[in-house]
């Protein structure tokens, strides 16, 4: 039960940070999302995101900052095994399922609803 509470608190704090960035600093949603992805990547690169994942579980793995951590994690693991080329292949290997799902579901939604623009 305690794990659920911490997941809720940590996930909520990440979302509050994003909301503050949009409301107080007047950043666009795209800038906010990019900042959270980069923050997750930096924390992952410094080895600080994994302990947060272990502590908060889904509270840290569901927000967009986890995507940045996944990018760095994939790049670093492939770079260790295959060298500098592995940086690029590792990024796509780890995150391809999420990116593919976003593209496919976005396309399906555009077929069902009338996109503007």
PDB file of N, CA and C in Angstrom:
ATOM      1  N   UNK A   1       0.823  -1.201   0.000  1.00  0.00           N
ATOM      2  CA  UNK A   1       0.000   0.000   0.000  1.00  0.00           C
ATOM      3  C   UNK A   1       0.862   1.258   0.000  1.00  0.00           C
ATOM      4  N   UNK A   2       1.955   1.196   0.742  1.00  0.00           N
ATOM      5  CA  UNK A   2       2.843   2.355   0.815  1.00  0.00           C
ATOM      6  C   UNK A   2       3.451   2.675  -0.555  1.00  0.00           C
ATOM      7  N   UNK A   3       3.734   1.629  -1.337  1.00  0.00           N
ATOM      8  CA  UNK A   3       4.305   1.826  -2.675  1.00  0.00           C
ATOM      9  C   UNK A   3       3.347   2.608  -3.571  1.00  0.00           C
ATOM     10  N   UNK A   4       2.040   2.339  -3.455  1.00  0.00           N
ATOM     11  CA  UNK A   4       1.045   3.062  -4.245  1.00  0.00           C
ATOM     12  C   UNK A   4       1.013   4.537  -3.877  1.00  0.00           C
ATOM     13  N   UNK A   5       1.132   4.815  -2.600  1.00  0.00           N
ATOM     14  CA  UNK A   5       1.091   6.204  -2.132  1.00  0.00           C
ATOM     15  C   UNK A   5       2.296   6.967  -2.664  1.00  0.00           C
ATOM     16  N   UNK A   6       3.488   6.350  -2.584  1.00  0.00           N
ATOM     17  CA  UNK A   6       4.679   7.028  -3.092  1.00  0.00           C
ATOM     18  C   UNK A   6       4.623   7.196  -4.611  1.00  0.00           C
ATOM     19  N   UNK A   7       4.078   6.217  -5.314  1.00  0.00           N
ATOM     20  CA  UNK A   7       3.924   6.345  -6.763  1.00  0.00           C
ATOM     21  C   UNK A   7       3.010   7.521  -7.088  1.00  0.00           C
ATOM     22  N   UNK A   8       1.923   7.648  -6.351  1.00  0.00           N
ATOM     23  CA  UNK A   8       0.988   8.747  -6.554  1.00  0.00           C
ATOM     24  C   UNK A   8       1.654  10.094  -6.260  1.00  0.00           C
ATOM     25  N   UNK A   9       2.409  10.168  -5.180  1.00  0.00           N
ATOM     26  CA  UNK A   9       3.057  11.426  -4.790  1.00  0.00           C
ATOM     27  C   UNK A   9       4.129  11.827  -5.799  1.00  0.00           C
ATOM     28  N   UNK A  10       5.003  10.906  -6.164  1.00  0.00           N
ATOM     29  CA  UNK A  10       6.097  11.229  -7.095  1.00  0.00           C
ATOM     30  C   UNK A  10       5.547  11.548  -8.486  1.00  0.00           C
ATOM     31  N   UNK A  11       4.614  10.744  -8.965  1.00  0.00           N
ATOM     32  CA  UNK A  11       3.997  11.031 -10.263  1.00  0.00           C
ATOM     33  C   UNK A  11       3.276  12.363 -10.252  1.00  0.00           C
ATOM     34  N   UNK A  12       2.586  12.649  -9.156  1.00  0.00           N
ATOM     35  CA  UNK A  12       1.905  13.941  -9.014  1.00  0.00           C
ATOM     36  C   UNK A  12       2.873  15.104  -8.991  1.00  0.00           C
ATOM     37  N   UNK A  13       4.008  14.930  -8.319  1.00  0.00           N
ATOM     38  CA  UNK A  13       5.010  16.007  -8.275  1.00  0.00           C
ATOM     39  C   UNK A  13       5.589  16.294  -9.658  1.00  0.00           C
ATOM     40  N   UNK A  14       5.831  15.238 -10.432  1.00  0.00           N
ATOM     41  CA  UNK A  14       6.330  15.447 -11.800  1.00  0.00           C
ATOM     42  C   UNK A  14       5.299  16.219 -12.618  1.00  0.00           C
ATOM     43  N   UNK A  15       4.036  15.863 -12.457  1.00  0.00           N
ATOM     44  CA  UNK A  15       2.969  16.571 -13.177  1.00  0.00           C
ATOM     45  C   UNK A  15       2.817  18.012 -12.692  1.00  0.00           C
ATOM     46  N   UNK A  16       2.971  18.232 -11.393  1.00  0.00           N
ATOM     47  CA  UNK A  16       2.903  19.592 -10.851  1.00  0.00           C
ATOM     48  C   UNK A  16       4.030  20.448 -11.412  1.00  0.00           C
ATOM     49  N   UNK A  17       5.212  19.870 -11.519  1.00  0.00           N
ATOM     50  CA  UNK A  17       6.339  20.612 -12.107  1.00  0.00           C
ATOM     51  C   UNK A  17       6.003  21.027 -13.536  1.00  0.00           C
ATOM     52  N   UNK A  18       5.445  20.104 -14.314  1.00  0.00           N
ATOM     53  CA  UNK A  18       5.047  20.431 -15.683  1.00  0.00           C
ATOM     54  C   UNK A  18       3.984  21.511 -15.724  1.00  0.00           C
ATOM     55  N   UNK A  19       3.013  21.439 -14.830  1.00  0.00           N
ATOM     56  CA  UNK A  19       1.949  22.446 -14.803  1.00  0.00           C
ATOM     57  C   UNK A  19       2.482  23.810 -14.404  1.00  0.00           C
ATOM     58  N   UNK A  20       3.408  23.842 -13.450  1.00  0.00           N
ATOM     59  CA  UNK A  20       4.030  25.114 -13.041  1.00  0.00           C
ATOM     60  C   UNK A  20       4.811  25.712 -14.206  1.00  0.00           C
ATOM     61  N   UNK A  21       5.490  24.857 -14.958  1.00  0.00           N
ATOM     62  CA  UNK A  21       6.243  25.360 -16.116  1.00  0.00           C
ATOM     63  C   UNK A  21       5.316  26.036 -17.113  1.00  0.00           C
ATOM     64  N   UNK A  22       4.108  25.500 -17.294  1.00  0.00           N
ATOM     65  CA  UNK A  22       3.174  26.096 -18.253  1.00  0.00           C
ATOM     66  C   UNK A  22       2.463  27.318 -17.674  1.00  0.00           C
ATOM     67  N   UNK A  23       2.073  27.259 -16.403  1.00  0.00           N
ATOM     68  CA  UNK A  23       1.284  28.349 -15.819  1.00  0.00           C
ATOM     69  C   UNK A  23       2.136  29.536 -15.369  1.00  0.00           C
ATOM     70  N   UNK A  24       3.244  29.259 -14.696  1.00  0.00           N
ATOM     71  CA  UNK A  24       4.061  30.338 -14.130  1.00  0.00           C
ATOM     72  C   UNK A  24       5.072  30.857 -15.145  1.00  0.00           C
ATOM     73  N   UNK A  25       5.782  29.931 -15.804  1.00  0.00           N
ATOM     74  CA  UNK A  25       6.824  30.340 -16.736  1.00  0.00           C
ATOM     75  C   UNK A  25       6.301  30.537 -18.158  1.00  0.00           C
ATOM     76  N   UNK A  26       5.004  30.279 -18.365  1.00  0.00           N
ATOM     77  CA  UNK A  26       4.331  30.492 -19.652  1.00  0.00           C
ATOM     78  C   UNK A  26       4.990  29.720 -20.801  1.00  0.00           C
ATOM     79  N   UNK A  27       5.486  28.510 -20.507  1.00  0.00           N
ATOM     80  CA  UNK A  27       6.047  27.669 -21.559  1.00  0.00           C
ATOM     81  C   UNK A  27       4.909  26.961 -22.287  1.00  0.00           C
ATOM     82  N   UNK A  28       5.112  26.717 -23.547  1.00  0.00           N
ATOM     83  CA  UNK A  28       4.117  25.972 -24.317  1.00  0.00           C
ATOM     84  C   UNK A  28       4.165  24.497 -23.898  1.00  0.00           C
ATOM     85  N   UNK A  29       3.115  23.740 -24.180  1.00  0.00           N
ATOM     86  CA  UNK A  29       3.164  22.310 -23.859  1.00  0.00           C
ATOM     87  C   UNK A  29       4.343  21.591 -24.516  1.00  0.00           C
ATOM     88  N   UNK A  30       4.712  21.994 -25.722  1.00  0.00           N
ATOM     89  CA  UNK A  30       5.848  21.367 -26.400  1.00  0.00           C
ATOM     90  C   UNK A  30       7.156  21.647 -25.660  1.00  0.00           C
ATOM     91  N   UNK A  31       7.334  22.893 -25.206  1.00  0.00           N
ATOM     92  CA  UNK A  31       8.539  23.221 -24.448  1.00  0.00           C
ATOM     93  C   UNK A  31       8.569  22.483 -23.116  1.00  0.00           C
ATOM     94  N   UNK A  32       7.408  22.368 -22.485  1.00  0.00           N
ATOM     95  CA  UNK A  32       7.331  21.672 -21.204  1.00  0.00           C
ATOM     96  C   UNK A  32       7.661  20.194 -21.378  1.00  0.00           C
ATOM     97  N   UNK A  33       7.086  19.579 -22.395  1.00  0.00           N
ATOM     98  CA  UNK A  33       7.343  18.167 -22.648  1.00  0.00           C
ATOM     99  C   UNK A  33       8.820  17.930 -22.950  1.00  0.00           C
ATOM    100  N   UNK A  34       9.399  18.779 -23.786  1.00  0.00           N
ATOM    101  CA  UNK A  34      10.805  18.635 -24.133  1.00  0.00           C
ATOM    102  C   UNK A  34      11.691  18.795 -22.908  1.00  0.00           C
ATOM    103  N   UNK A  35      11.370  19.757 -22.063  1.00  0.00           N
ATOM    104  CA  UNK A  35      12.155  19.975 -20.849  1.00  0.00           C
ATOM    105  C   UNK A  35      12.082  18.760 -19.927  1.00  0.00           C
ATOM    106  N   UNK A  36      10.903  18.176 -19.780  1.00  0.00           N
ATOM    107  CA  UNK A  36      10.773  17.000 -18.924  1.00  0.00           C
ATOM    108  C   UNK A  36      11.501  15.785 -19.508  1.00  0.00           C
ATOM    109  N   UNK A  37      11.481  15.630 -20.820  1.00  0.00           N
ATOM    110  CA  UNK A  37      12.222  14.528 -21.452  1.00  0.00           C
ATOM    111  C   UNK A  37      13.718  14.724 -21.240  1.00  0.00           C
ATOM    112  N   UNK A  38      14.208  15.943 -21.443  1.00  0.00           N
ATOM    113  CA  UNK A  38      15.635  16.221 -21.254  1.00  0.00           C
ATOM    114  C   UNK A  38      16.021  16.038 -19.791  1.00  0.00           C
ATOM    115  N   UNK A  39      15.166  16.473 -18.878  1.00  0.00           N
ATOM    116  CA  UNK A  39      15.459  16.288 -17.447  1.00  0.00           C
ATOM    117  C   UNK A  39      15.553  14.800 -17.113  1.00  0.00           C
ATOM    118  N   UNK A  40      14.650  13.998 -17.649  1.00  0.00           N
ATOM    119  CA  UNK A  40      14.718  12.556 -17.431  1.00  0.00           C
ATOM    120  C   UNK A  40      15.979  11.950 -18.028  1.00  0.00           C
ATOM    121  N   UNK A  41      16.388  12.452 -19.190  1.00  0.00           N
ATOM    122  CA  UNK A  41      17.608  11.957 -19.829  1.00  0.00           C
ATOM    123  C   UNK A  41      18.838  12.314 -19.007  1.00  0.00           C
ATOM    124  N   UNK A  42      18.887  13.541 -18.509  1.00  0.00           N
ATOM    125  CA  UNK A  42      20.033  13.967 -17.693  1.00  0.00           C
ATOM    126  C   UNK A  42      20.088  13.161 -16.398  1.00  0.00           C
ATOM    127  N   UNK A  43      18.943  13.016 -15.738  1.00  0.00           N
ATOM    128  CA  UNK A  43      18.909  12.224 -14.503  1.00  0.00           C
ATOM    129  C   UNK A  43      19.289  10.770 -14.774  1.00  0.00           C
ATOM    130  N   UNK A  44      18.840  10.234 -15.910  1.00  0.00           N
ATOM    131  CA  UNK A  44      19.206   8.869 -16.279  1.00  0.00           C
ATOM    132  C   UNK A  44      20.689   8.744 -16.558  1.00  0.00           C
ATOM    133  N   UNK A  45      21.246   9.725 -17.246  1.00  0.00           N
ATOM    134  CA  UNK A  45      22.676   9.711 -17.542  1.00  0.00           C
ATOM    135  C   UNK A  45      23.540   9.812 -16.300  1.00  0.00           C
ATOM    136  N   UNK A  46      23.036  10.516 -15.301  1.00  0.00           N
ATOM    137  CA  UNK A  46      23.771  10.641 -14.042  1.00  0.00           C
ATOM    138  C   UNK A  46      23.509   9.470 -13.092  1.00  0.00           C
ATOM    139  N   UNK A  47      22.630   8.571 -13.495  1.00  0.00           N
ATOM    140  CA  UNK A  47      22.325   7.416 -12.670  1.00  0.00           C
ATOM    141  C   UNK A  47      21.352   7.699 -11.536  1.00  0.00           C
ATOM    142  N   UNK A  48      20.612   8.799 -11.637  1.00  0.00           N
ATOM    143  CA  UNK A  48      19.688   9.175 -10.571  1.00  0.00           C
ATOM    144  C   UNK A  48      18.247   8.761 -10.847  1.00  0.00           C
ATOM    145  N   UNK A  49      17.920   8.418 -12.084  1.00  0.00           N
ATOM    146  CA  UNK A  49      16.534   8.072 -12.402  1.00  0.00           C
ATOM    147  C   UNK A  49      16.194   6.638 -11.997  1.00  0.00           C
ATOM    148  N   UNK A  50      17.141   5.730 -12.095  1.00  0.00           N
ATOM    149  CA  UNK A  50      16.887   4.331 -11.709  1.00  0.00           C
ATOM    150  C   UNK A  50      16.486   4.206 -10.238  1.00  0.00           C
ATOM    151  N   UNK A  51      17.198   4.870  -9.300  1.00  0.00           N
ATOM    152  CA  UNK A  51      16.736   4.805  -7.905  1.00  0.00           C
ATOM    153  C   UNK A  51      15.330   5.387  -7.725  1.00  0.00           C
ATOM    154  N   UNK A  52      15.011   6.425  -8.498  1.00  0.00           N
ATOM    155  CA  UNK A  52      13.672   7.000  -8.439  1.00  0.00           C
ATOM    156  C   UNK A  52      12.632   5.997  -8.947  1.00  0.00           C
ATOM    157  N   UNK A  53      12.969   5.253 -10.001  1.00  0.00           N
ATOM    158  CA  UNK A  53      12.072   4.218 -10.514  1.00  0.00           C
ATOM    159  C   UNK A  53      11.858   3.103  -9.488  1.00  0.00           C
ATOM    160  N   UNK A  54      12.922   2.711  -8.819  1.00  0.00           N
ATOM    161  CA  UNK A  54      12.801   1.665  -7.803  1.00  0.00           C
ATOM    162  C   UNK A  54      11.946   2.137  -6.630  1.00  0.00           C
ATOM    163  N   UNK A  55      12.075   3.408  -6.278  1.00  0.00           N
ATOM    164  CA  UNK A  55      11.334   3.940  -5.140  1.00  0.00           C
ATOM    165  C   UNK A  55       9.871   4.200  -5.473  1.00  0.00           C
ATOM    166  N   UNK A  56       9.614   4.834  -6.614  1.00  0.00           N
ATOM    167  CA  UNK A  56       8.260   5.295  -6.934  1.00  0.00           C
ATOM    168  C   UNK A  56       7.526   4.393  -7.922  1.00  0.00           C
ATOM    169  N   UNK A  57       8.186   3.466  -8.557  1.00  0.00           N
ATOM    170  CA  UNK A  57       7.519   2.563  -9.497  1.00  0.00           C
ATOM    171  C   UNK A  57       6.850   3.311 -10.637  1.00  0.00           C
ATOM    172  N   UNK A  58       5.545   3.076 -10.814  1.00  0.00           N
ATOM    173  CA  UNK A  58       4.801   3.687 -11.913  1.00  0.00           C
ATOM    174  C   UNK A  58       4.732   5.204 -11.792  1.00  0.00           C
ATOM    175  N   UNK A  59       4.895   5.736 -10.592  1.00  0.00           N
ATOM    176  CA  UNK A  59       4.889   7.186 -10.411  1.00  0.00           C
ATOM    177  C   UNK A  59       6.028   7.863 -11.145  1.00  0.00           C
ATOM    178  N   UNK A  60       7.113   7.109 -11.387  1.00  0.00           N
ATOM    179  CA  UNK A  60       8.247   7.659 -12.125  1.00  0.00           C
ATOM    180  C   UNK A  60       8.355   7.077 -13.530  1.00  0.00           C
ATOM    181  N   UNK A  61       7.724   5.926 -13.780  1.00  0.00           N
ATOM    182  CA  UNK A  61       7.869   5.307 -15.100  1.00  0.00           C
ATOM    183  C   UNK A  61       6.799   5.740 -16.093  1.00  0.00           C
ATOM    184  N   UNK A  62       5.674   6.260 -15.625  1.00  0.00           N
ATOM    185  CA  UNK A  62       4.603   6.656 -16.522  1.00  0.00           C
ATOM    186  C   UNK A  62       4.796   8.065 -17.097  1.00  0.00           C
ATOM    187  N   UNK A  63       5.236   9.070 -16.321  1.00  0.00           N
ATOM    188  CA  UNK A  63       5.389  10.414 -16.892  1.00  0.00           C
ATOM    189  C   UNK A  63       6.411  10.460 -18.026  1.00  0.00           C
ATOM    190  N   UNK A  64       6.348  11.510 -18.807  1.00  0.00           N
ATOM    191  CA  UNK A  64       7.188  11.664 -20.003  1.00  0.00           C
ATOM    192  C   UNK A  64       8.679  11.710 -19.675  1.00  0.00           C
ATOM    193  N   UNK A  65       9.030  12.061 -18.457  1.00  0.00           N
ATOM    194  CA  UNK A  65      10.449  12.104 -18.082  1.00  0.00           C
ATOM    195  C   UNK A  65      11.078  10.717 -18.174  1.00  0.00           C
ATOM    196  N   UNK A  66      10.286   9.678 -18.024  1.00  0.00           N
ATOM    197  CA  UNK A  66      10.802   8.320 -18.141  1.00  0.00           C
ATOM    198  C   UNK A  66      11.234   8.009 -19.572  1.00  0.00           C
ATOM    199  N   UNK A  67      10.629   8.675 -20.555  1.00  0.00           N
ATOM    200  CA  UNK A  67      11.022   8.480 -21.947  1.00  0.00           C
ATOM    201  C   UNK A  67      12.464   8.935 -22.158  1.00  0.00           C
ATOM    202  N   UNK A  68      12.827  10.069 -21.569  1.00  0.00           N
ATOM    203  CA  UNK A  68      14.210  10.539 -21.660  1.00  0.00           C
ATOM    204  C   UNK A  68      15.175   9.566 -21.018  1.00  0.00           C
ATOM    205  N   UNK A  69      14.779   9.017 -19.884  1.00  0.00           N
ATOM    206  CA  UNK A  69      15.610   8.019 -19.220  1.00  0.00           C
ATOM    207  C   UNK A  69      15.770   6.786 -20.103  1.00  0.00           C
ATOM    208  N   UNK A  70      14.708   6.352 -20.760  1.00  0.00           N
ATOM    209  CA  UNK A  70      14.781   5.182 -21.640  1.00  0.00           C
ATOM    210  C   UNK A  70      15.710   5.432 -22.824  1.00  0.00           C
ATOM    211  N   UNK A  71      15.664   6.647 -23.369  1.00  0.00           N
ATOM    212  CA  UNK A  71      16.565   6.981 -24.477  1.00  0.00           C
ATOM    213  C   UNK A  71      18.024   6.845 -24.065  1.00  0.00           C
ATOM    214  N   UNK A  72      18.362   7.417 -22.920  1.00  0.00           N
ATOM    215  CA  UNK A  72      19.750   7.375 -22.450  1.00  0.00           C
ATOM    216  C   UNK A  72      20.150   5.955 -22.073  1.00  0.00           C
ATOM    217  N   UNK A  73      19.250   5.253 -21.427  1.00  0.00           N
ATOM    218  CA  UNK A  73      19.537   3.875 -21.012  1.00  0.00           C
ATOM    219  C   UNK A  73      19.847   2.999 -22.223  1.00  0.00           C
ATOM    220  N   UNK A  74      19.025   3.104 -23.272  1.00  0.00           N
ATOM    221  CA  UNK A  74      19.262   2.324 -24.487  1.00  0.00           C
ATOM    222  C   UNK A  74      20.546   2.722 -25.185  1.00  0.00           C
ATOM    223  N   UNK A  75      20.801   4.015 -25.248  1.00  0.00           N
ATOM    224  CA  UNK A  75      22.016   4.491 -25.915  1.00  0.00           C
ATOM    225  C   UNK A  75      23.267   4.029 -25.182  1.00  0.00           C
ATOM    226  N   UNK A  76      23.256   4.127 -23.865  1.00  0.00           N
ATOM    227  CA  UNK A  76      24.441   3.735 -23.093  1.00  0.00           C
ATOM    228  C   UNK A  76      24.690   2.233 -23.144  1.00  0.00           C
ATOM    229  N   UNK A  77      23.627   1.438 -23.070  1.00  0.00           N
ATOM    230  CA  UNK A  77      23.828  -0.015 -23.087  1.00  0.00           C
ATOM    231  C   UNK A  77      24.347  -0.489 -24.441  1.00  0.00           C
ATOM    232  N   UNK A  78      23.830   0.066 -25.532  1.00  0.00           N
ATOM    233  CA  UNK A  78      24.315  -0.315 -26.859  1.00  0.00           C
ATOM    234  C   UNK A  78      25.705   0.247 -27.145  1.00  0.00           C
ATOM    235  N   UNK A  79      25.997   1.430 -26.603  1.00  0.00           N
ATOM    236  CA  UNK A  79      27.323   2.004 -26.807  1.00  0.00           C
ATOM    237  C   UNK A  79      28.395   1.144 -26.140  1.00  0.00           C
ATOM    238  N   UNK A  80      28.054   0.557 -25.007  1.00  0.00           N
ATOM    239  CA  UNK A  80      29.008  -0.321 -24.330  1.00  0.00           C
ATOM    240  C   UNK A  80      29.289  -1.581 -25.135  1.00  0.00           C
ATOM    241  N   UNK A  81      28.274  -2.112 -25.803  1.00  0.00           N
ATOM    242  CA  UNK A  81      28.466  -3.374 -26.517  1.00  0.00           C
ATOM    243  C   UNK A  81      28.937  -3.206 -27.958  1.00  0.00           C
ATOM    244  N   UNK A  82      28.498  -2.156 -28.655  1.00  0.00           N
ATOM    245  CA  UNK A  82      28.857  -2.030 -30.075  1.00  0.00           C
ATOM    246  C   UNK A  82      29.614  -0.757 -30.422  1.00  0.00           C
ATOM    247  N   UNK A  83      29.861   0.102 -29.476  1.00  0.00           N
ATOM    248  CA  UNK A  83      30.610   1.315 -29.757  1.00  0.00           C
ATOM    249  C   UNK A  83      29.713   2.493 -30.064  1.00  0.00           C
ATOM    250  N   UNK A  84      30.271   3.474 -30.748  1.00  0.00           N
ATOM    251  CA  UNK A  84      29.588   4.745 -30.976  1.00  0.00           C
ATOM    252  C   UNK A  84      28.343   4.582 -31.848  1.00  0.00           C
ATOM    253  N   UNK A  85      28.332   3.638 -32.764  1.00  0.00           N
ATOM    254  CA  UNK A  85      27.157   3.402 -33.606  1.00  0.00           C
ATOM    255  C   UNK A  85      25.993   2.915 -32.747  1.00  0.00           C
ATOM    256  N   UNK A  86      26.310   2.231 -31.671  1.00  0.00           N
ATOM    257  CA  UNK A  86      25.288   1.722 -30.774  1.00  0.00           C
ATOM    258  C   UNK A  86      24.475   2.807 -30.095  1.00  0.00           C
ATOM    259  N   UNK A  87      25.020   4.014 -30.025  1.00  0.00           N
ATOM    260  CA  UNK A  87      24.268   5.120 -29.425  1.00  0.00           C
ATOM    261  C   UNK A  87      22.974   5.347 -30.208  1.00  0.00           C
ATOM    262  N   UNK A  88      23.067   5.386 -31.518  1.00  0.00           N
ATOM    263  CA  UNK A  88      21.877   5.605 -32.347  1.00  0.00           C
ATOM    264  C   UNK A  88      20.961   4.395 -32.376  1.00  0.00           C
ATOM    265  N   UNK A  89      21.530   3.216 -32.535  1.00  0.00           N
ATOM    266  CA  UNK A  89      20.687   2.022 -32.599  1.00  0.00           C
ATOM    267  C   UNK A  89      20.036   1.734 -31.254  1.00  0.00           C
ATOM    268  N   UNK A  90      20.722   2.020 -30.162  1.00  0.00           N
ATOM    269  CA  UNK A  90      20.176   1.768 -28.836  1.00  0.00           C
ATOM    270  C   UNK A  90      18.975   2.631 -28.528  1.00  0.00           C
ATOM    271  N   UNK A  91      19.000   3.868 -28.987  1.00  0.00           N
ATOM    272  CA  UNK A  91      17.878   4.775 -28.766  1.00  0.00           C
ATOM    273  C   UNK A  91      16.618   4.207 -29.413  1.00  0.00           C
ATOM    274  N   UNK A  92      16.741   3.747 -30.641  1.00  0.00           N
ATOM    275  CA  UNK A  92      15.574   3.248 -31.362  1.00  0.00           C
ATOM    276  C   UNK A  92      15.150   1.859 -30.902  1.00  0.00           C
ATOM    277  N   UNK A  93      16.108   1.056 -30.464  1.00  0.00           N
ATOM    278  CA  UNK A  93      15.785  -0.300 -30.017  1.00  0.00           C
ATOM    279  C   UNK A  93      14.905  -0.285 -28.773  1.00  0.00           C
ATOM    280  N   UNK A  94      15.212   0.583 -27.836  1.00  0.00           N
ATOM    281  CA  UNK A  94      14.484   0.617 -26.570  1.00  0.00           C
ATOM    282  C   UNK A  94      13.142   1.331 -26.707  1.00  0.00           C
ATOM    283  N   UNK A  95      13.067   2.365 -27.526  1.00  0.00           N
ATOM    284  CA  UNK A  95      11.864   3.208 -27.563  1.00  0.00           C
ATOM    285  C   UNK A  95      10.993   2.989 -28.797  1.00  0.00           C
ATOM    286  N   UNK A  96      11.351   2.054 -29.653  1.00  0.00           N
ATOM    287  CA  UNK A  96      10.609   1.900 -30.912  1.00  0.00           C
ATOM    288  C   UNK A  96       9.153   1.497 -30.699  1.00  0.00           C
ATOM    289  N   UNK A  97       8.866   0.689 -29.704  1.00  0.00           N
ATOM    290  CA  UNK A  97       7.481   0.264 -29.480  1.00  0.00           C
ATOM    291  C   UNK A  97       6.594   1.455 -29.111  1.00  0.00           C
ATOM    292  N   UNK A  98       7.080   2.313 -28.233  1.00  0.00           N
ATOM    293  CA  UNK A  98       6.298   3.484 -27.833  1.00  0.00           C
ATOM    294  C   UNK A  98       6.114   4.471 -28.967  1.00  0.00           C
ATOM    295  N   UNK A  99       7.171   4.692 -29.725  1.00  0.00           N
ATOM    296  CA  UNK A  99       7.087   5.617 -30.853  1.00  0.00           C
ATOM    297  C   UNK A  99       6.139   5.056 -31.917  1.00  0.00           C
ATOM    298  N   UNK A 100       6.261   3.764 -32.203  1.00  0.00           N
ATOM    299  CA  UNK A 100       5.381   3.141 -33.198  1.00  0.00           C
ATOM    300  C   UNK A 100       3.921   3.212 -32.772  1.00  0.00           C
ATOM    301  N   UNK A 101       3.657   2.947 -31.496  1.00  0.00           N
ATOM    302  CA  UNK A 101       2.277   3.013 -31.004  1.00  0.00           C
ATOM    303  C   UNK A 101       1.719   4.425 -31.151  1.00  0.00           C
ATOM    304  N   UNK A 102       2.529   5.436 -30.832  1.00  0.00           N
ATOM    305  CA  UNK A 102       2.064   6.819 -30.951  1.00  0.00           C
ATOM    306  C   UNK A 102       1.728   7.161 -32.398  1.00  0.00           C
ATOM    307  N   UNK A 103       2.555   6.738 -33.329  1.00  0.00           N
ATOM    308  CA  UNK A 103       2.299   7.017 -34.740  1.00  0.00           C
ATOM    309  C   UNK A 103       1.057   6.272 -35.233  1.00  0.00           C
ATOM    310  N   UNK A 104       0.954   4.996 -34.896  1.00  0.00           N
ATOM    311  CA  UNK A 104      -0.183   4.186 -35.369  1.00  0.00           C
ATOM    312  C   UNK A 104      -1.501   4.698 -34.789  1.00  0.00           C
ATOM    313  N   UNK A 105      -1.533   4.931 -33.462  1.00  0.00           N
ATOM    314  CA  UNK A 105      -2.776   5.397 -32.850  1.00  0.00           C
ATOM    315  C   UNK A 105      -3.118   6.820 -33.287  1.00  0.00           C
ATOM    316  N   UNK A 106      -2.116   7.643 -33.525  1.00  0.00           N
ATOM    317  CA  UNK A 106      -2.362   8.986 -34.046  1.00  0.00           C
ATOM    318  C   UNK A 106      -2.966   8.933 -35.436  1.00  0.00           C
ATOM    319  N   UNK A 107      -2.460   8.030 -36.267  1.00  0.00           N
ATOM    320  CA  UNK A 107      -3.007   7.860 -37.608  1.00  0.00           C
ATOM    321  C   UNK A 107      -4.448   7.350 -37.546  1.00  0.00           C
ATOM    322  N   UNK A 108      -4.691   6.371 -36.682  1.00  0.00           N
ATOM    323  CA  UNK A 108      -6.046   5.828 -36.552  1.00  0.00           C
ATOM    324  C   UNK A 108      -7.022   6.896 -36.057  1.00  0.00           C
ATOM    325  N   UNK A 109      -6.578   7.726 -35.124  1.00  0.00           N
ATOM    326  CA  UNK A 109      -7.440   8.799 -34.624  1.00  0.00           C
ATOM    327  C   UNK A 109      -7.738   9.803 -35.717  1.00  0.00           C
ATOM    328  N   UNK A 110      -6.750  10.052 -36.593  1.00  0.00           N
ATOM    329  CA  UNK A 110      -6.988  11.013 -37.683  1.00  0.00           C
ATOM    330  C   UNK A 110      -7.979  10.472 -38.708  1.00  0.00           C
ATOM    331  N   UNK A 111      -8.084   9.157 -38.818  1.00  0.00           N
ATOM    332  CA  UNK A 111      -9.061   8.569 -39.716  1.00  0.00           C
ATOM    333  C   UNK A 111     -10.481   8.658 -39.143  1.00  0.00           C
ATOM    334  N   UNK A 112     -10.582   8.544 -37.830  1.00  0.00           N
ATOM    335  CA  UNK A 112     -11.896   8.552 -37.173  1.00  0.00           C
ATOM    336  C   UNK A 112     -12.407   9.981 -36.991  1.00  0.00           C
ATOM    337  N   UNK A 113     -11.540  10.874 -36.547  1.00  0.00           N
ATOM    338  CA  UNK A 113     -11.941  12.250 -36.270  1.00  0.00           C
ATOM    339  C   UNK A 113     -11.420  13.159 -37.384  1.00  0.00           C
ATOM    340  N   UNK A 114     -11.955  14.342 -37.457  1.00  0.00           N
ATOM    341  CA  UNK A 114     -11.519  15.276 -38.492  1.00  0.00           C
ATOM    342  C   UNK A 114     -10.401  16.153 -37.934  1.00  0.00           C
ATOM    343  N   UNK A 115      -9.164  15.911 -38.360  1.00  0.00           N
ATOM    344  CA  UNK A 115      -8.076  16.756 -37.865  1.00  0.00           C
ATOM    345  C   UNK A 115      -8.153  18.138 -38.469  1.00  0.00           C
ATOM    346  N   UNK A 116      -7.779  19.131 -37.695  1.00  0.00           N
ATOM    347  CA  UNK A 116      -7.781  20.518 -38.174  1.00  0.00           C
ATOM    348  C   UNK A 116      -6.339  20.918 -38.459  1.00  0.00           C
ATOM    349  N   UNK A 117      -6.119  21.426 -39.636  1.00  0.00           N
ATOM    350  CA  UNK A 117      -4.789  21.917 -39.948  1.00  0.00           C
ATOM    351  C   UNK A 117      -4.123  21.209 -41.062  1.00  0.00           C
TER     352      UNK A 117
END
